[in-house]
Amino acid sequence: MMMIFVQDEHVALTSTPPMYLKCDLRTYNLLDLNNKFDVILIEPPLEEYQRTIGATNLDFWSWEQVRHLKKDHHS
């Protein structure tokens, strides 16, 4: 149980608050953030998600386009 408290304290001291960035991922280079993140949540305009909200005339992305986004220095 003590280990959980130590881990929680470490996370509280070293983590940064969540941030939000709205950008065009076709032109924005994620490497320009020049930082390390535990998680980067990307919400590309996938057709299956947009149809659930009734959008019909957007520029949809394929999973292949999402896969080719440069997300780290190892891509």
PDB file of N, CA and C in Angstrom:
ATOM      1  N   MET A   1       0.823  -1.188   0.000  1.00  0.00           N
ATOM      2  CA  MET A   1       0.000   0.000   0.000  1.00  0.00           C
ATOM      3  C   MET A   1       0.870   1.257   0.000  1.00  0.00           C
ATOM      4  N   MET A   2       1.998   1.213   0.705  1.00  0.00           N
ATOM      5  CA  MET A   2       2.896   2.372   0.767  1.00  0.00           C
ATOM      6  C   MET A   2       3.454   2.705  -0.612  1.00  0.00           C
ATOM      7  N   MET A   3       3.670   1.674  -1.439  1.00  0.00           N
ATOM      8  CA  MET A   3       4.222   1.892  -2.776  1.00  0.00           C
ATOM      9  C   MET A   3       3.280   2.745  -3.624  1.00  0.00           C
ATOM     10  N   ILE A   4       1.973   2.554  -3.473  1.00  0.00           N
ATOM     11  CA  ILE A   4       0.993   3.342  -4.229  1.00  0.00           C
ATOM     12  C   ILE A   4       1.115   4.811  -3.860  1.00  0.00           C
ATOM     13  N   PHE A   5       1.276   5.107  -2.582  1.00  0.00           N
ATOM     14  CA  PHE A   5       1.416   6.494  -2.149  1.00  0.00           C
ATOM     15  C   PHE A   5       2.691   7.125  -2.688  1.00  0.00           C
ATOM     16  N   VAL A   6       3.775   6.372  -2.707  1.00  0.00           N
ATOM     17  CA  VAL A   6       5.037   6.872  -3.247  1.00  0.00           C
ATOM     18  C   VAL A   6       4.883   7.149  -4.745  1.00  0.00           C
ATOM     19  N   GLN A   7       4.228   6.235  -5.446  1.00  0.00           N
ATOM     20  CA  GLN A   7       4.010   6.430  -6.877  1.00  0.00           C
ATOM     21  C   GLN A   7       3.109   7.645  -7.124  1.00  0.00           C
ATOM     22  N   ASP A   8       2.038   7.786  -6.371  1.00  0.00           N
ATOM     23  CA  ASP A   8       1.152   8.944  -6.519  1.00  0.00           C
ATOM     24  C   ASP A   8       1.900  10.247  -6.272  1.00  0.00           C
ATOM     25  N   GLU A   9       2.759  10.259  -5.283  1.00  0.00           N
ATOM     26  CA  GLU A   9       3.541  11.459  -4.977  1.00  0.00           C
ATOM     27  C   GLU A   9       4.499  11.777  -6.126  1.00  0.00           C
ATOM     28  N   HIS A  10       5.141  10.757  -6.662  1.00  0.00           N
ATOM     29  CA  HIS A  10       6.064  10.957  -7.781  1.00  0.00           C
ATOM     30  C   HIS A  10       5.321  11.520  -9.001  1.00  0.00           C
ATOM     31  N   VAL A  11       4.165  10.965  -9.317  1.00  0.00           N
ATOM     32  CA  VAL A  11       3.375  11.449 -10.451  1.00  0.00           C
ATOM     33  C   VAL A  11       2.971  12.894 -10.220  1.00  0.00           C
ATOM     34  N   ALA A  12       2.529  13.226  -9.017  1.00  0.00           N
ATOM     35  CA  ALA A  12       2.111  14.592  -8.708  1.00  0.00           C
ATOM     36  C   ALA A  12       3.266  15.586  -8.868  1.00  0.00           C
ATOM     37  N   LEU A  13       4.480  15.172  -8.551  1.00  0.00           N
ATOM     38  CA  LEU A  13       5.633  16.060  -8.636  1.00  0.00           C
ATOM     39  C   LEU A  13       6.199  16.189 -10.052  1.00  0.00           C
ATOM     40  N   THR A  14       6.019  15.169 -10.870  1.00  0.00           N
ATOM     41  CA  THR A  14       6.681  15.175 -12.176  1.00  0.00           C
ATOM     42  C   THR A  14       5.750  15.353 -13.370  1.00  0.00           C
ATOM     43  N   SER A  15       4.470  15.200 -13.173  1.00  0.00           N
ATOM     44  CA  SER A  15       3.564  15.293 -14.321  1.00  0.00           C
ATOM     45  C   SER A  15       3.204  16.742 -14.622  1.00  0.00           C
ATOM     46  N   THR A  16       2.822  16.965 -15.838  1.00  0.00           N
ATOM     47  CA  THR A  16       2.347  18.290 -16.225  1.00  0.00           C
ATOM     48  C   THR A  16       0.838  18.207 -16.427  1.00  0.00           C
ATOM     49  N   PRO A  17       0.155  19.315 -16.246  1.00  0.00           N
ATOM     50  CA  PRO A  17      -1.296  19.273 -16.435  1.00  0.00           C
ATOM     51  C   PRO A  17      -1.638  18.982 -17.890  1.00  0.00           C
ATOM     52  N   PRO A  18      -2.819  18.428 -18.129  1.00  0.00           N
ATOM     53  CA  PRO A  18      -3.219  18.175 -19.513  1.00  0.00           C
ATOM     54  C   PRO A  18      -3.249  19.469 -20.312  1.00  0.00           C
ATOM     55  N   MET A  19      -2.944  19.367 -21.588  1.00  0.00           N
ATOM     56  CA  MET A  19      -3.027  20.532 -22.451  1.00  0.00           C
ATOM     57  C   MET A  19      -3.847  20.185 -23.683  1.00  0.00           C
ATOM     58  N   TYR A  20      -4.294  21.186 -24.368  1.00  0.00           N
ATOM     59  CA  TYR A  20      -5.158  21.016 -25.520  1.00  0.00           C
ATOM     60  C   TYR A  20      -4.591  21.850 -26.659  1.00  0.00           C
ATOM     61  N   LEU A  21      -4.490  21.246 -27.819  1.00  0.00           N
ATOM     62  CA  LEU A  21      -3.970  21.952 -28.983  1.00  0.00           C
ATOM     63  C   LEU A  21      -4.844  21.584 -30.177  1.00  0.00           C
ATOM     64  N   LYS A  22      -5.513  22.570 -30.739  1.00  0.00           N
ATOM     65  CA  LYS A  22      -6.323  22.335 -31.929  1.00  0.00           C
ATOM     66  C   LYS A  22      -5.496  22.775 -33.123  1.00  0.00           C
ATOM     67  N   CYS A  23      -5.211  21.839 -34.027  1.00  0.00           N
ATOM     68  CA  CYS A  23      -4.372  22.165 -35.177  1.00  0.00           C
ATOM     69  C   CYS A  23      -4.692  21.223 -36.331  1.00  0.00           C
ATOM     70  N   ASP A  24      -4.233  21.573 -37.500  1.00  0.00           N
ATOM     71  CA  ASP A  24      -4.374  20.728 -38.676  1.00  0.00           C
ATOM     72  C   ASP A  24      -3.184  19.772 -38.694  1.00  0.00           C
ATOM     73  N   LEU A  25      -3.444  18.512 -38.439  1.00  0.00           N
ATOM     74  CA  LEU A  25      -2.363  17.538 -38.330  1.00  0.00           C
ATOM     75  C   LEU A  25      -1.688  17.235 -39.662  1.00  0.00           C
ATOM     76  N   ARG A  26      -2.279  17.681 -40.763  1.00  0.00           N
ATOM     77  CA  ARG A  26      -1.625  17.496 -42.060  1.00  0.00           C
ATOM     78  C   ARG A  26      -0.470  18.467 -42.228  1.00  0.00           C
ATOM     79  N   THR A  27      -0.516  19.610 -41.516  1.00  0.00           N
ATOM     80  CA  THR A  27       0.534  20.609 -41.671  1.00  0.00           C
ATOM     81  C   THR A  27       1.331  20.836 -40.389  1.00  0.00           C
ATOM     82  N   TYR A  28       0.770  20.485 -39.240  1.00  0.00           N
ATOM     83  CA  TYR A  28       1.470  20.709 -37.980  1.00  0.00           C
ATOM     84  C   TYR A  28       2.373  19.522 -37.670  1.00  0.00           C
ATOM     85  N   ASN A  29       3.608  19.787 -37.346  1.00  0.00           N
ATOM     86  CA  ASN A  29       4.565  18.739 -37.006  1.00  0.00           C
ATOM     87  C   ASN A  29       4.537  18.529 -35.489  1.00  0.00           C
ATOM     88  N   LEU A  30       4.058  17.381 -35.053  1.00  0.00           N
ATOM     89  CA  LEU A  30       3.980  17.103 -33.610  1.00  0.00           C
ATOM     90  C   LEU A  30       5.352  17.129 -32.944  1.00  0.00           C
ATOM     91  N   LEU A  31       6.401  16.895 -33.712  1.00  0.00           N
ATOM     92  CA  LEU A  31       7.751  16.937 -33.144  1.00  0.00           C
ATOM     93  C   LEU A  31       8.137  18.353 -32.716  1.00  0.00           C
ATOM     94  N   ASP A  32       7.447  19.372 -33.266  1.00  0.00           N
ATOM     95  CA  ASP A  32       7.716  20.757 -32.869  1.00  0.00           C
ATOM     96  C   ASP A  32       7.341  21.037 -31.422  1.00  0.00           C
ATOM     97  N   LEU A  33       6.563  20.156 -30.819  1.00  0.00           N
ATOM     98  CA  LEU A  33       6.231  20.334 -29.401  1.00  0.00           C
ATOM     99  C   LEU A  33       7.487  20.204 -28.540  1.00  0.00           C
ATOM    100  N   ASN A  34       8.482  19.477 -29.051  1.00  0.00           N
ATOM    101  CA  ASN A  34       9.786  19.348 -28.395  1.00  0.00           C
ATOM    102  C   ASN A  34       9.656  19.009 -26.914  1.00  0.00           C
ATOM    103  N   ASN A  35       8.852  18.017 -26.640  1.00  0.00           N
ATOM    104  CA  ASN A  35       8.608  17.616 -25.270  1.00  0.00           C
ATOM    105  C   ASN A  35       8.262  16.137 -25.256  1.00  0.00           C
ATOM    106  N   LYS A  36       8.318  15.531 -24.083  1.00  0.00           N
ATOM    107  CA  LYS A  36       7.919  14.140 -23.925  1.00  0.00           C
ATOM    108  C   LYS A  36       6.568  14.111 -23.229  1.00  0.00           C
ATOM    109  N   PHE A  37       5.701  13.237 -23.716  1.00  0.00           N
ATOM    110  CA  PHE A  37       4.371  13.092 -23.154  1.00  0.00           C
ATOM    111  C   PHE A  37       4.119  11.631 -22.842  1.00  0.00           C
ATOM    112  N   ASP A  38       3.351  11.379 -21.803  1.00  0.00           N
ATOM    113  CA  ASP A  38       2.929  10.010 -21.512  1.00  0.00           C
ATOM    114  C   ASP A  38       1.886   9.571 -22.534  1.00  0.00           C
ATOM    115  N   VAL A  39       0.998  10.490 -22.895  1.00  0.00           N
ATOM    116  CA  VAL A  39      -0.088  10.179 -23.829  1.00  0.00           C
ATOM    117  C   VAL A  39      -0.338  11.382 -24.723  1.00  0.00           C
ATOM    118  N   ILE A  40      -0.541  11.126 -25.988  1.00  0.00           N
ATOM    119  CA  ILE A  40      -1.017  12.148 -26.917  1.00  0.00           C
ATOM    120  C   ILE A  40      -2.292  11.587 -27.536  1.00  0.00           C
ATOM    121  N   LEU A  41      -3.397  12.253 -27.297  1.00  0.00           N
ATOM    122  CA  LEU A  41      -4.682  11.832 -27.844  1.00  0.00           C
ATOM    123  C   LEU A  41      -4.934  12.619 -29.125  1.00  0.00           C
ATOM    124  N   ILE A  42      -5.066  11.909 -30.223  1.00  0.00           N
ATOM    125  CA  ILE A  42      -5.282  12.544 -31.519  1.00  0.00           C
ATOM    126  C   ILE A  42      -6.677  12.157 -31.995  1.00  0.00           C
ATOM    127  N   GLU A  43      -7.450  13.155 -32.390  1.00  0.00           N
ATOM    128  CA  GLU A  43      -8.788  12.894 -32.893  1.00  0.00           C
ATOM    129  C   GLU A  43      -8.893  13.342 -34.353  1.00  0.00           C
ATOM    130  N   PRO A  44      -8.425  12.505 -35.274  1.00  0.00           N
ATOM    131  CA  PRO A  44      -8.512  12.862 -36.688  1.00  0.00           C
ATOM    132  C   PRO A  44      -9.961  12.721 -37.168  1.00  0.00           C
ATOM    133  N   PRO A  45     -10.298  13.369 -38.266  1.00  0.00           N
ATOM    134  CA  PRO A  45     -11.672  13.287 -38.779  1.00  0.00           C
ATOM    135  C   PRO A  45     -11.934  11.959 -39.494  1.00  0.00           C
ATOM    136  N   LEU A  46     -12.146  10.911 -38.718  1.00  0.00           N
ATOM    137  CA  LEU A  46     -12.449   9.608 -39.291  1.00  0.00           C
ATOM    138  C   LEU A  46     -13.932   9.545 -39.647  1.00  0.00           C
ATOM    139  N   GLU A  47     -14.232   8.977 -40.783  1.00  0.00           N
ATOM    140  CA  GLU A  47     -15.615   8.958 -41.268  1.00  0.00           C
ATOM    141  C   GLU A  47     -16.557   8.261 -40.300  1.00  0.00           C
ATOM    142  N   GLU A  48     -16.134   7.144 -39.716  1.00  0.00           N
ATOM    143  CA  GLU A  48     -17.029   6.404 -38.826  1.00  0.00           C
ATOM    144  C   GLU A  48     -17.426   7.213 -37.592  1.00  0.00           C
ATOM    145  N   TYR A  49     -16.549   8.102 -37.123  1.00  0.00           N
ATOM    146  CA  TYR A  49     -16.889   8.949 -35.978  1.00  0.00           C
ATOM    147  C   TYR A  49     -17.767  10.120 -36.403  1.00  0.00           C
ATOM    148  N   GLN A  50     -17.489  10.692 -37.560  1.00  0.00           N
ATOM    149  CA  GLN A  50     -18.235  11.853 -38.015  1.00  0.00           C
ATOM    150  C   GLN A  50     -19.674  11.500 -38.384  1.00  0.00           C
ATOM    151  N   ARG A  51     -19.904  10.316 -38.887  1.00  0.00           N
ATOM    152  CA  ARG A  51     -21.269   9.915 -39.252  1.00  0.00           C
ATOM    153  C   ARG A  51     -22.167   9.828 -38.017  1.00  0.00           C
ATOM    154  N   THR A  52     -21.592   9.522 -36.864  1.00  0.00           N
ATOM    155  CA  THR A  52     -22.406   9.419 -35.654  1.00  0.00           C
ATOM    156  C   THR A  52     -22.909  10.775 -35.195  1.00  0.00           C
ATOM    157  N   ILE A  53     -22.274  11.866 -35.655  1.00  0.00           N
ATOM    158  CA  ILE A  53     -22.750  13.201 -35.276  1.00  0.00           C
ATOM    159  C   ILE A  53     -23.471  13.883 -36.439  1.00  0.00           C
ATOM    160  N   GLY A  54     -23.684  13.146 -37.536  1.00  0.00           N
ATOM    161  CA  GLY A  54     -24.461  13.669 -38.652  1.00  0.00           C
ATOM    162  C   GLY A  54     -23.684  14.458 -39.687  1.00  0.00           C
ATOM    163  N   ALA A  55     -22.377  14.510 -39.618  1.00  0.00           N
ATOM    164  CA  ALA A  55     -21.579  15.235 -40.612  1.00  0.00           C
ATOM    165  C   ALA A  55     -21.549  14.420 -41.899  1.00  0.00           C
ATOM    166  N   THR A  56     -21.721  15.085 -43.035  1.00  0.00           N
ATOM    167  CA  THR A  56     -21.739  14.351 -44.298  1.00  0.00           C
ATOM    168  C   THR A  56     -20.765  14.887 -45.336  1.00  0.00           C
ATOM    169  N   ASN A  57     -20.221  16.073 -45.162  1.00  0.00           N
ATOM    170  CA  ASN A  57     -19.390  16.649 -46.233  1.00  0.00           C
ATOM    171  C   ASN A  57     -18.029  17.124 -45.727  1.00  0.00           C
ATOM    172  N   LEU A  58     -17.415  16.363 -44.866  1.00  0.00           N
ATOM    173  CA  LEU A  58     -16.097  16.726 -44.344  1.00  0.00           C
ATOM    174  C   LEU A  58     -14.993  15.969 -45.084  1.00  0.00           C
ATOM    175  N   ASP A  59     -13.787  16.458 -44.954  1.00  0.00           N
ATOM    176  CA  ASP A  59     -12.620  15.790 -45.512  1.00  0.00           C
ATOM    177  C   ASP A  59     -12.202  14.692 -44.526  1.00  0.00           C
ATOM    178  N   PHE A  60     -12.615  13.468 -44.778  1.00  0.00           N
ATOM    179  CA  PHE A  60     -12.337  12.372 -43.852  1.00  0.00           C
ATOM    180  C   PHE A  60     -10.937  11.810 -44.059  1.00  0.00           C
ATOM    181  N   TRP A  61     -10.378  11.265 -42.986  1.00  0.00           N
ATOM    182  CA  TRP A  61      -9.072  10.631 -43.032  1.00  0.00           C
ATOM    183  C   TRP A  61      -9.252   9.120 -43.060  1.00  0.00           C
ATOM    184  N   SER A  62      -8.265   8.446 -43.606  1.00  0.00           N
ATOM    185  CA  SER A  62      -8.228   6.983 -43.545  1.00  0.00           C
ATOM    186  C   SER A  62      -7.326   6.588 -42.373  1.00  0.00           C
ATOM    187  N   TRP A  63      -7.432   5.335 -41.955  1.00  0.00           N
ATOM    188  CA  TRP A  63      -6.545   4.859 -40.884  1.00  0.00           C
ATOM    189  C   TRP A  63      -5.090   4.897 -41.344  1.00  0.00           C
ATOM    190  N   GLU A  64      -4.870   4.733 -42.636  1.00  0.00           N
ATOM    191  CA  GLU A  64      -3.507   4.790 -43.175  1.00  0.00           C
ATOM    192  C   GLU A  64      -2.899   6.180 -42.968  1.00  0.00           C
ATOM    193  N   GLN A  65      -3.685   7.234 -43.160  1.00  0.00           N
ATOM    194  CA  GLN A  65      -3.192   8.595 -42.922  1.00  0.00           C
ATOM    195  C   GLN A  65      -2.845   8.804 -41.452  1.00  0.00           C
ATOM    196  N   VAL A  66      -3.654   8.263 -40.569  1.00  0.00           N
ATOM    197  CA  VAL A  66      -3.382   8.383 -39.131  1.00  0.00           C
ATOM    198  C   VAL A  66      -2.097   7.641 -38.785  1.00  0.00           C
ATOM    199  N   ARG A  67      -1.938   6.468 -39.349  1.00  0.00           N
ATOM    200  CA  ARG A  67      -0.750   5.648 -39.063  1.00  0.00           C
ATOM    201  C   ARG A  67       0.533   6.351 -39.478  1.00  0.00           C
ATOM    202  N   HIS A  68       0.482   7.164 -40.515  1.00  0.00           N
ATOM    203  CA  HIS A  68       1.688   7.820 -41.015  1.00  0.00           C
ATOM    204  C   HIS A  68       2.021   9.154 -40.339  1.00  0.00           C
ATOM    205  N   LEU A  69       1.234   9.557 -39.359  1.00  0.00           N
ATOM    206  CA  LEU A  69       1.586  10.776 -38.619  1.00  0.00           C
ATOM    207  C   LEU A  69       2.893  10.555 -37.868  1.00  0.00           C
ATOM    208  N   LYS A  70       3.772  11.536 -37.911  1.00  0.00           N
ATOM    209  CA  LYS A  70       5.009  11.426 -37.138  1.00  0.00           C
ATOM    210  C   LYS A  70       4.713  11.822 -35.696  1.00  0.00           C
ATOM    211  N   LYS A  71       4.879  10.855 -34.800  1.00  0.00           N
ATOM    212  CA  LYS A  71       4.512  11.081 -33.412  1.00  0.00           C
ATOM    213  C   LYS A  71       5.712  11.126 -32.477  1.00  0.00           C
ATOM    214  N   ASP A  72       6.811  10.567 -32.914  1.00  0.00           N
ATOM    215  CA  ASP A  72       8.002  10.586 -32.060  1.00  0.00           C
ATOM    216  C   ASP A  72       9.239  10.535 -32.932  1.00  0.00           C
ATOM    217  N   HIS A  73      10.359  10.593 -32.305  1.00  0.00           N
ATOM    218  CA  HIS A  73      11.620  10.617 -33.059  1.00  0.00           C
ATOM    219  C   HIS A  73      11.951   9.284 -33.684  1.00  0.00           C
ATOM    220  N   HIS A  74      11.173   8.251 -33.367  1.00  0.00           N
ATOM    221  CA  HIS A  74      11.440   6.913 -33.896  1.00  0.00           C
ATOM    222  C   HIS A  74      10.546   6.576 -35.075  1.00  0.00           C
ATOM    223  N   SER A  75       9.659   7.502 -35.494  1.00  0.00           N
ATOM    224  CA  SER A  75       8.742   7.216 -36.602  1.00  0.00           C
ATOM    225  C   SER A  75       9.480   7.167 -37.929  1.00  0.00           C
TER     226      SER A  75
END
